[in-house]
Amino acid sequence: MAVVGIYTWLIGRQSASAQELLDLRTRIVRLEEQIAQMPTQAQVTDLISKLSRTEARMNGLNEQFGTVLRRLESINSFLLQHR
């Protein structure tokens, strides 16, 4: 009787281990899929470079808009004074 109990326990333990192994394999497959979609270091470096260039262009545009704003204010002031 004890042998049947031990055998049943071992079979149950192997089933649990098989289920745990299946769960781990599923998790690994999911992680591999997610990792495959991640950008490479070269892609991240390229993106950072492009963002830096875009920031520089935005700063240049901001300066140009400041110049245009000052000119418009001068024109507006002139027109208001010489009606």
PDB file of N, CA and C in Angstrom:
ATOM      1  N   MET A   1       0.817  -1.190   0.000  1.00  0.00           N
ATOM      2  CA  MET A   1       0.000   0.000   0.000  1.00  0.00           C
ATOM      3  C   MET A   1       0.870   1.266   0.000  1.00  0.00           C
ATOM      4  N   ALA A   2       1.957   1.217   0.766  1.00  0.00           N
ATOM      5  CA  ALA A   2       2.860   2.358   0.825  1.00  0.00           C
ATOM      6  C   ALA A   2       3.511   2.595  -0.532  1.00  0.00           C
ATOM      7  N   VAL A   3       3.771   1.503  -1.255  1.00  0.00           N
ATOM      8  CA  VAL A   3       4.381   1.629  -2.572  1.00  0.00           C
ATOM      9  C   VAL A   3       3.441   2.350  -3.519  1.00  0.00           C
ATOM     10  N   VAL A   4       2.137   2.035  -3.457  1.00  0.00           N
ATOM     11  CA  VAL A   4       1.146   2.697  -4.304  1.00  0.00           C
ATOM     12  C   VAL A   4       1.076   4.179  -3.947  1.00  0.00           C
ATOM     13  N   GLY A   5       1.131   4.493  -2.672  1.00  0.00           N
ATOM     14  CA  GLY A   5       1.099   5.885  -2.236  1.00  0.00           C
ATOM     15  C   GLY A   5       2.310   6.660  -2.736  1.00  0.00           C
ATOM     16  N   ILE A   6       3.484   6.039  -2.621  1.00  0.00           N
ATOM     17  CA  ILE A   6       4.706   6.691  -3.096  1.00  0.00           C
ATOM     18  C   ILE A   6       4.664   6.853  -4.610  1.00  0.00           C
ATOM     19  N   TYR A   7       4.194   5.825  -5.308  1.00  0.00           N
ATOM     20  CA  TYR A   7       4.089   5.889  -6.769  1.00  0.00           C
ATOM     21  C   TYR A   7       3.129   7.002  -7.182  1.00  0.00           C
ATOM     22  N   THR A   8       1.983   7.074  -6.504  1.00  0.00           N
ATOM     23  CA  THR A   8       1.002   8.121  -6.802  1.00  0.00           C
ATOM     24  C   THR A   8       1.605   9.502  -6.548  1.00  0.00           C
ATOM     25  N   TRP A   9       2.331   9.633  -5.456  1.00  0.00           N
ATOM     26  CA  TRP A   9       2.951  10.916  -5.136  1.00  0.00           C
ATOM     27  C   TRP A   9       3.985  11.296  -6.201  1.00  0.00           C
ATOM     28  N   LEU A  10       4.800  10.323  -6.640  1.00  0.00           N
ATOM     29  CA  LEU A  10       5.804  10.593  -7.669  1.00  0.00           C
ATOM     30  C   LEU A  10       5.163  10.987  -8.990  1.00  0.00           C
ATOM     31  N   ILE A  11       4.116  10.283  -9.390  1.00  0.00           N
ATOM     32  CA  ILE A  11       3.413  10.608 -10.637  1.00  0.00           C
ATOM     33  C   ILE A  11       2.802  12.003 -10.533  1.00  0.00           C
ATOM     34  N   GLY A  12       2.185  12.309  -9.402  1.00  0.00           N
ATOM     35  CA  GLY A  12       1.610  13.643  -9.197  1.00  0.00           C
ATOM     36  C   GLY A  12       2.676  14.713  -9.237  1.00  0.00           C
ATOM     37  N   ARG A  13       3.816  14.415  -8.657  1.00  0.00           N
ATOM     38  CA  ARG A  13       4.926  15.375  -8.644  1.00  0.00           C
ATOM     39  C   ARG A  13       5.464  15.585 -10.052  1.00  0.00           C
ATOM     40  N   GLN A  14       5.558  14.520 -10.843  1.00  0.00           N
ATOM     41  CA  GLN A  14       6.018  14.643 -12.220  1.00  0.00           C
ATOM     42  C   GLN A  14       5.021  15.430 -13.052  1.00  0.00           C
ATOM     43  N   SER A  15       3.728  15.244 -12.782  1.00  0.00           N
ATOM     44  CA  SER A  15       2.709  16.011 -13.506  1.00  0.00           C
ATOM     45  C   SER A  15       2.836  17.488 -13.181  1.00  0.00           C
ATOM     46  N   ALA A  16       3.056  17.779 -11.907  1.00  0.00           N
ATOM     47  CA  ALA A  16       3.230  19.176 -11.515  1.00  0.00           C
ATOM     48  C   ALA A  16       4.487  19.732 -12.173  1.00  0.00           C
ATOM     49  N   SER A  17       5.529  18.952 -12.206  1.00  0.00           N
ATOM     50  CA  SER A  17       6.762  19.413 -12.831  1.00  0.00           C
ATOM     51  C   SER A  17       6.569  19.623 -14.323  1.00  0.00           C
ATOM     52  N   ALA A  18       5.815  18.739 -14.966  1.00  0.00           N
ATOM     53  CA  ALA A  18       5.543  18.894 -16.396  1.00  0.00           C
ATOM     54  C   ALA A  18       4.745  20.168 -16.642  1.00  0.00           C
ATOM     55  N   GLN A  19       3.760  20.451 -15.792  1.00  0.00           N
ATOM     56  CA  GLN A  19       2.960  21.670 -15.939  1.00  0.00           C
ATOM     57  C   GLN A  19       3.821  22.903 -15.694  1.00  0.00           C
ATOM     58  N   GLU A  20       4.671  22.827 -14.679  1.00  0.00           N
ATOM     59  CA  GLU A  20       5.573  23.946 -14.408  1.00  0.00           C
ATOM     60  C   GLU A  20       6.512  24.173 -15.583  1.00  0.00           C
ATOM     61  N   LEU A  21       7.018  23.076 -16.157  1.00  0.00           N
ATOM     62  CA  LEU A  21       7.905  23.170 -17.308  1.00  0.00           C
ATOM     63  C   LEU A  21       7.181  23.794 -18.499  1.00  0.00           C
ATOM     64  N   LEU A  22       5.934  23.396 -18.717  1.00  0.00           N
ATOM     65  CA  LEU A  22       5.134  23.974 -19.802  1.00  0.00           C
ATOM     66  C   LEU A  22       4.913  25.465 -19.573  1.00  0.00           C
ATOM     67  N   ASP A  23       4.613  25.842 -18.327  1.00  0.00           N
ATOM     68  CA  ASP A  23       4.427  27.262 -18.003  1.00  0.00           C
ATOM     69  C   ASP A  23       5.709  28.057 -18.263  1.00  0.00           C
ATOM     70  N   LEU A  24       6.837  27.482 -17.865  1.00  0.00           N
ATOM     71  CA  LEU A  24       8.115  28.167 -18.087  1.00  0.00           C
ATOM     72  C   LEU A  24       8.424  28.299 -19.574  1.00  0.00           C
ATOM     73  N   ARG A  25       8.153  27.253 -20.338  1.00  0.00           N
ATOM     74  CA  ARG A  25       8.380  27.324 -21.782  1.00  0.00           C
ATOM     75  C   ARG A  25       7.504  28.394 -22.417  1.00  0.00           C
ATOM     76  N   THR A  26       6.257  28.475 -21.978  1.00  0.00           N
ATOM     77  CA  THR A  26       5.341  29.495 -22.499  1.00  0.00           C
ATOM     78  C   THR A  26       5.868  30.891 -22.181  1.00  0.00           C
ATOM     79  N   ARG A  27       6.343  31.079 -20.958  1.00  0.00           N
ATOM     80  CA  ARG A  27       6.892  32.381 -20.573  1.00  0.00           C
ATOM     81  C   ARG A  27       8.131  32.724 -21.389  1.00  0.00           C
ATOM     82  N   ILE A  28       8.976  31.736 -21.621  1.00  0.00           N
ATOM     83  CA  ILE A  28      10.195  31.972 -22.403  1.00  0.00           C
ATOM     84  C   ILE A  28       9.852  32.361 -23.828  1.00  0.00           C
ATOM     85  N   VAL A  29       8.879  31.674 -24.424  1.00  0.00           N
ATOM     86  CA  VAL A  29       8.465  32.003 -25.795  1.00  0.00           C
ATOM     87  C   VAL A  29       7.933  33.429 -25.845  1.00  0.00           C
ATOM     88  N   ARG A  30       7.121  33.805 -24.861  1.00  0.00           N
ATOM     89  CA  ARG A  30       6.581  35.165 -24.815  1.00  0.00           C
ATOM     90  C   ARG A  30       7.701  36.198 -24.681  1.00  0.00           C
ATOM     91  N   LEU A  31       8.664  35.916 -23.813  1.00  0.00           N
ATOM     92  CA  LEU A  31       9.796  36.833 -23.645  1.00  0.00           C
ATOM     93  C   LEU A  31      10.626  36.939 -24.918  1.00  0.00           C
ATOM     94  N   GLU A  32      10.843  35.818 -25.588  1.00  0.00           N
ATOM     95  CA  GLU A  32      11.607  35.848 -26.840  1.00  0.00           C
ATOM     96  C   GLU A  32      10.890  36.679 -27.898  1.00  0.00           C
ATOM     97  N   GLU A  33       9.561  36.584 -27.956  1.00  0.00           N
ATOM     98  CA  GLU A  33       8.793  37.391 -28.911  1.00  0.00           C
ATOM     99  C   GLU A  33       8.930  38.874 -28.592  1.00  0.00           C
ATOM    100  N   GLN A  34       8.869  39.210 -27.312  1.00  0.00           N
ATOM    101  CA  GLN A  34       8.991  40.613 -26.919  1.00  0.00           C
ATOM    102  C   GLN A  34      10.398  41.136 -27.194  1.00  0.00           C
ATOM    103  N   ILE A  35      11.404  40.331 -26.925  1.00  0.00           N
ATOM    104  CA  ILE A  35      12.784  40.744 -27.162  1.00  0.00           C
ATOM    105  C   ILE A  35      13.043  40.929 -28.649  1.00  0.00           C
ATOM    106  N   ALA A  36      12.427  40.084 -29.474  1.00  0.00           N
ATOM    107  CA  ALA A  36      12.618  40.198 -30.925  1.00  0.00           C
ATOM    108  C   ALA A  36      12.095  41.530 -31.448  1.00  0.00           C
ATOM    109  N   GLN A  37      11.117  42.114 -30.766  1.00  0.00           N
ATOM    110  CA  GLN A  37      10.529  43.373 -31.215  1.00  0.00           C
ATOM    111  C   GLN A  37      11.251  44.590 -30.645  1.00  0.00           C
ATOM    112  N   MET A  38      12.168  44.374 -29.723  1.00  0.00           N
ATOM    113  CA  MET A  38      12.897  45.496 -29.127  1.00  0.00           C
ATOM    114  C   MET A  38      13.901  46.061 -30.122  1.00  0.00           C
ATOM    115  N   PRO A  39      14.122  47.381 -30.072  1.00  0.00           N
ATOM    116  CA  PRO A  39      15.117  47.974 -30.978  1.00  0.00           C
ATOM    117  C   PRO A  39      16.530  47.572 -30.567  1.00  0.00           C
ATOM    118  N   THR A  40      17.401  47.556 -31.553  1.00  0.00           N
ATOM    119  CA  THR A  40      18.807  47.249 -31.281  1.00  0.00           C
ATOM    120  C   THR A  40      19.499  48.495 -30.729  1.00  0.00           C
ATOM    121  N   GLN A  41      20.710  48.317 -30.245  1.00  0.00           N
ATOM    122  CA  GLN A  41      21.481  49.453 -29.729  1.00  0.00           C
ATOM    123  C   GLN A  41      21.739  50.466 -30.838  1.00  0.00           C
ATOM    124  N   ALA A  42      22.003  49.973 -32.044  1.00  0.00           N
ATOM    125  CA  ALA A  42      22.245  50.877 -33.180  1.00  0.00           C
ATOM    126  C   ALA A  42      20.995  51.695 -33.490  1.00  0.00           C
ATOM    127  N   GLN A  43      19.826  51.066 -33.416  1.00  0.00           N
ATOM    128  CA  GLN A  43      18.585  51.791 -33.682  1.00  0.00           C
ATOM    129  C   GLN A  43      18.328  52.846 -32.615  1.00  0.00           C
ATOM    130  N   VAL A  44      18.603  52.522 -31.368  1.00  0.00           N
ATOM    131  CA  VAL A  44      18.415  53.491 -30.281  1.00  0.00           C
ATOM    132  C   VAL A  44      19.382  54.660 -30.452  1.00  0.00           C
ATOM    133  N   THR A  45      20.627  54.369 -30.805  1.00  0.00           N
ATOM    134  CA  THR A  45      21.621  55.423 -31.034  1.00  0.00           C
ATOM    135  C   THR A  45      21.195  56.320 -32.189  1.00  0.00           C
ATOM    136  N   ASP A  46      20.693  55.722 -33.261  1.00  0.00           N
ATOM    137  CA  ASP A  46      20.212  56.489 -34.411  1.00  0.00           C
ATOM    138  C   ASP A  46      19.036  57.376 -34.011  1.00  0.00           C
ATOM    139  N   LEU A  47      18.133  56.840 -33.215  1.00  0.00           N
ATOM    140  CA  LEU A  47      16.982  57.618 -32.756  1.00  0.00           C
ATOM    141  C   LEU A  47      17.424  58.799 -31.897  1.00  0.00           C
ATOM    142  N   ILE A  48      18.374  58.571 -31.009  1.00  0.00           N
ATOM    143  CA  ILE A  48      18.886  59.659 -30.168  1.00  0.00           C
ATOM    144  C   ILE A  48      19.522  60.742 -31.033  1.00  0.00           C
ATOM    145  N   SER A  49      20.266  60.328 -32.042  1.00  0.00           N
ATOM    146  CA  SER A  49      20.900  61.285 -32.956  1.00  0.00           C
ATOM    147  C   SER A  49      19.849  62.108 -33.689  1.00  0.00           C
ATOM    148  N   LYS A  50      18.822  61.439 -34.189  1.00  0.00           N
ATOM    149  CA  LYS A  50      17.752  62.151 -34.900  1.00  0.00           C
ATOM    150  C   LYS A  50      17.009  63.103 -33.971  1.00  0.00           C
ATOM    151  N   LEU A  51      16.780  62.690 -32.734  1.00  0.00           N
ATOM    152  CA  LEU A  51      16.113  63.570 -31.776  1.00  0.00           C
ATOM    153  C   LEU A  51      16.968  64.795 -31.471  1.00  0.00           C
ATOM    154  N   SER A  52      18.271  64.617 -31.387  1.00  0.00           N
ATOM    155  CA  SER A  52      19.171  65.751 -31.140  1.00  0.00           C
ATOM    156  C   SER A  52      19.122  66.740 -32.299  1.00  0.00           C
ATOM    157  N   ARG A  53      19.143  66.216 -33.528  1.00  0.00           N
ATOM    158  CA  ARG A  53      19.063  67.105 -34.695  1.00  0.00           C
ATOM    159  C   ARG A  53      17.716  67.824 -34.728  1.00  0.00           C
ATOM    160  N   THR A  54      16.654  67.114 -34.399  1.00  0.00           N
ATOM    161  CA  THR A  54      15.328  67.738 -34.379  1.00  0.00           C
ATOM    162  C   THR A  54      15.266  68.831 -33.321  1.00  0.00           C
ATOM    163  N   GLU A  55      15.864  68.577 -32.166  1.00  0.00           N
ATOM    164  CA  GLU A  55      15.892  69.587 -31.107  1.00  0.00           C
ATOM    165  C   GLU A  55      16.652  70.827 -31.567  1.00  0.00           C
ATOM    166  N   ALA A  56      17.769  70.635 -32.252  1.00  0.00           N
ATOM    167  CA  ALA A  56      18.551  71.772 -32.754  1.00  0.00           C
ATOM    168  C   ALA A  56      17.739  72.574 -33.763  1.00  0.00           C
ATOM    169  N   ARG A  57      17.030  71.882 -34.641  1.00  0.00           N
ATOM    170  CA  ARG A  57      16.188  72.586 -35.625  1.00  0.00           C
ATOM    171  C   ARG A  57      15.068  73.352 -34.935  1.00  0.00           C
ATOM    172  N   MET A  58      14.477  72.745 -33.915  1.00  0.00           N
ATOM    173  CA  MET A  58      13.404  73.426 -33.180  1.00  0.00           C
ATOM    174  C   MET A  58      13.937  74.682 -32.492  1.00  0.00           C
ATOM    175  N   ASN A  59      15.132  74.591 -31.930  1.00  0.00           N
ATOM    176  CA  ASN A  59      15.731  75.767 -31.297  1.00  0.00           C
ATOM    177  C   ASN A  59      15.988  76.862 -32.327  1.00  0.00           C
ATOM    178  N   GLY A  60      16.452  76.475 -33.518  1.00  0.00           N
ATOM    179  CA  GLY A  60      16.661  77.449 -34.594  1.00  0.00           C
ATOM    180  C   GLY A  60      15.359  78.106 -35.011  1.00  0.00           C
ATOM    181  N   LEU A  61      14.305  77.314 -35.140  1.00  0.00           N
ATOM    182  CA  LEU A  61      12.996  77.876 -35.497  1.00  0.00           C
ATOM    183  C   LEU A  61      12.489  78.810 -34.405  1.00  0.00           C
ATOM    184  N   ASN A  62      12.727  78.437 -33.164  1.00  0.00           N
ATOM    185  CA  ASN A  62      12.301  79.275 -32.052  1.00  0.00           C
ATOM    186  C   ASN A  62      12.987  80.639 -32.115  1.00  0.00           C
ATOM    187  N   GLU A  63      14.276  80.651 -32.428  1.00  0.00           N
ATOM    188  CA  GLU A  63      15.002  81.919 -32.572  1.00  0.00           C
ATOM    189  C   GLU A  63      14.446  82.734 -33.734  1.00  0.00           C
ATOM    190  N   GLN A  64      14.147  82.069 -34.846  1.00  0.00           N
ATOM    191  CA  GLN A  64      13.592  82.775 -36.002  1.00  0.00           C
ATOM    192  C   GLN A  64      12.221  83.362 -35.673  1.00  0.00           C
ATOM    193  N   PHE A  65      11.410  82.614 -34.946  1.00  0.00           N
ATOM    194  CA  PHE A  65      10.096  83.145 -34.573  1.00  0.00           C
ATOM    195  C   PHE A  65      10.237  84.340 -33.640  1.00  0.00           C
ATOM    196  N   GLY A  66      11.243  84.303 -32.773  1.00  0.00           N
ATOM    197  CA  GLY A  66      11.495  85.449 -31.901  1.00  0.00           C
ATOM    198  C   GLY A  66      11.837  86.682 -32.713  1.00  0.00           C
ATOM    199  N   THR A  67      12.659  86.515 -33.749  1.00  0.00           N
ATOM    200  CA  THR A  67      13.028  87.625 -34.632  1.00  0.00           C
ATOM    201  C   THR A  67      11.800  88.154 -35.363  1.00  0.00           C
ATOM    202  N   VAL A  68      10.991  87.258 -35.886  1.00  0.00           N
ATOM    203  CA  VAL A  68       9.769  87.664 -36.601  1.00  0.00           C
ATOM    204  C   VAL A  68       8.833  88.395 -35.647  1.00  0.00           C
ATOM    205  N   LEU A  69       8.709  87.910 -34.425  1.00  0.00           N
ATOM    206  CA  LEU A  69       7.839  88.556 -33.446  1.00  0.00           C
ATOM    207  C   LEU A  69       8.310  89.981 -33.160  1.00  0.00           C
ATOM    208  N   ARG A  70       9.615  90.163 -32.976  1.00  0.00           N
ATOM    209  CA  ARG A  70      10.127  91.516 -32.718  1.00  0.00           C
ATOM    210  C   ARG A  70       9.866  92.438 -33.911  1.00  0.00           C
ATOM    211  N   ARG A  71      10.032  91.937 -35.128  1.00  0.00           N
ATOM    212  CA  ARG A  71       9.764  92.752 -36.320  1.00  0.00           C
ATOM    213  C   ARG A  71       8.285  93.117 -36.401  1.00  0.00           C
ATOM    214  N   LEU A  72       7.426  92.150 -36.121  1.00  0.00           N
ATOM    215  CA  LEU A  72       5.990  92.438 -36.159  1.00  0.00           C
ATOM    216  C   LEU A  72       5.602  93.459 -35.095  1.00  0.00           C
ATOM    217  N   GLU A  73       6.205  93.356 -33.925  1.00  0.00           N
ATOM    218  CA  GLU A  73       5.919  94.334 -32.877  1.00  0.00           C
ATOM    219  C   GLU A  73       6.380  95.727 -33.299  1.00  0.00           C
ATOM    220  N   SER A  74       7.526  95.804 -33.968  1.00  0.00           N
ATOM    221  CA  SER A  74       8.017  97.102 -34.462  1.00  0.00           C
ATOM    222  C   SER A  74       7.071  97.668 -35.512  1.00  0.00           C
ATOM    223  N   ILE A  75       6.636  96.837 -36.437  1.00  0.00           N
ATOM    224  CA  ILE A  75       5.695  97.285 -37.481  1.00  0.00           C
ATOM    225  C   ILE A  75       4.391  97.725 -36.848  1.00  0.00           C
ATOM    226  N   ASN A  76       3.898  96.946 -35.887  1.00  0.00           N
ATOM    227  CA  ASN A  76       2.644  97.288 -35.215  1.00  0.00           C
ATOM    228  C   ASN A  76       2.783  98.615 -34.475  1.00  0.00           C
ATOM    229  N   SER A  77       3.878  98.793 -33.781  1.00  0.00           N
ATOM    230  CA  SER A  77       4.114 100.036 -33.054  1.00  0.00           C
ATOM    231  C   SER A  77       4.185 101.217 -34.021  1.00  0.00           C
ATOM    232  N   PHE A  78       4.890 101.058 -35.130  1.00  0.00           N
ATOM    233  CA  PHE A  78       4.995 102.112 -36.135  1.00  0.00           C
ATOM    234  C   PHE A  78       3.618 102.471 -36.688  1.00  0.00           C
ATOM    235  N   LEU A  79       2.841 101.457 -37.030  1.00  0.00           N
ATOM    236  CA  LEU A  79       1.514 101.712 -37.602  1.00  0.00           C
ATOM    237  C   LEU A  79       0.589 102.383 -36.596  1.00  0.00           C
ATOM    238  N   LEU A  80       0.690 102.014 -35.335  1.00  0.00           N
ATOM    239  CA  LEU A  80      -0.158 102.634 -34.322  1.00  0.00           C
ATOM    240  C   LEU A  80       0.237 104.097 -34.086  1.00  0.00           C
ATOM    241  N   GLN A  81       1.506 104.425 -34.222  1.00  0.00           N
ATOM    242  CA  GLN A  81       1.963 105.792 -34.000  1.00  0.00           C
ATOM    243  C   GLN A  81       1.688 106.688 -35.196  1.00  0.00           C
ATOM    244  N   HIS A  82       1.599 106.154 -36.394  1.00  0.00           N
ATOM    245  CA  HIS A  82       1.448 106.963 -37.603  1.00  0.00           C
ATOM    246  C   HIS A  82       0.109 106.703 -38.287  1.00  0.00           C
ATOM    247  N   ARG A  83      -0.918 106.845 -37.565  1.00  0.00           N
ATOM    248  CA  ARG A  83      -2.253 106.664 -38.146  1.00  0.00           C
ATOM    249  C   ARG A  83      -2.648 107.842 -38.949  1.00  0.00           C
TER     250      ARG A  83
END
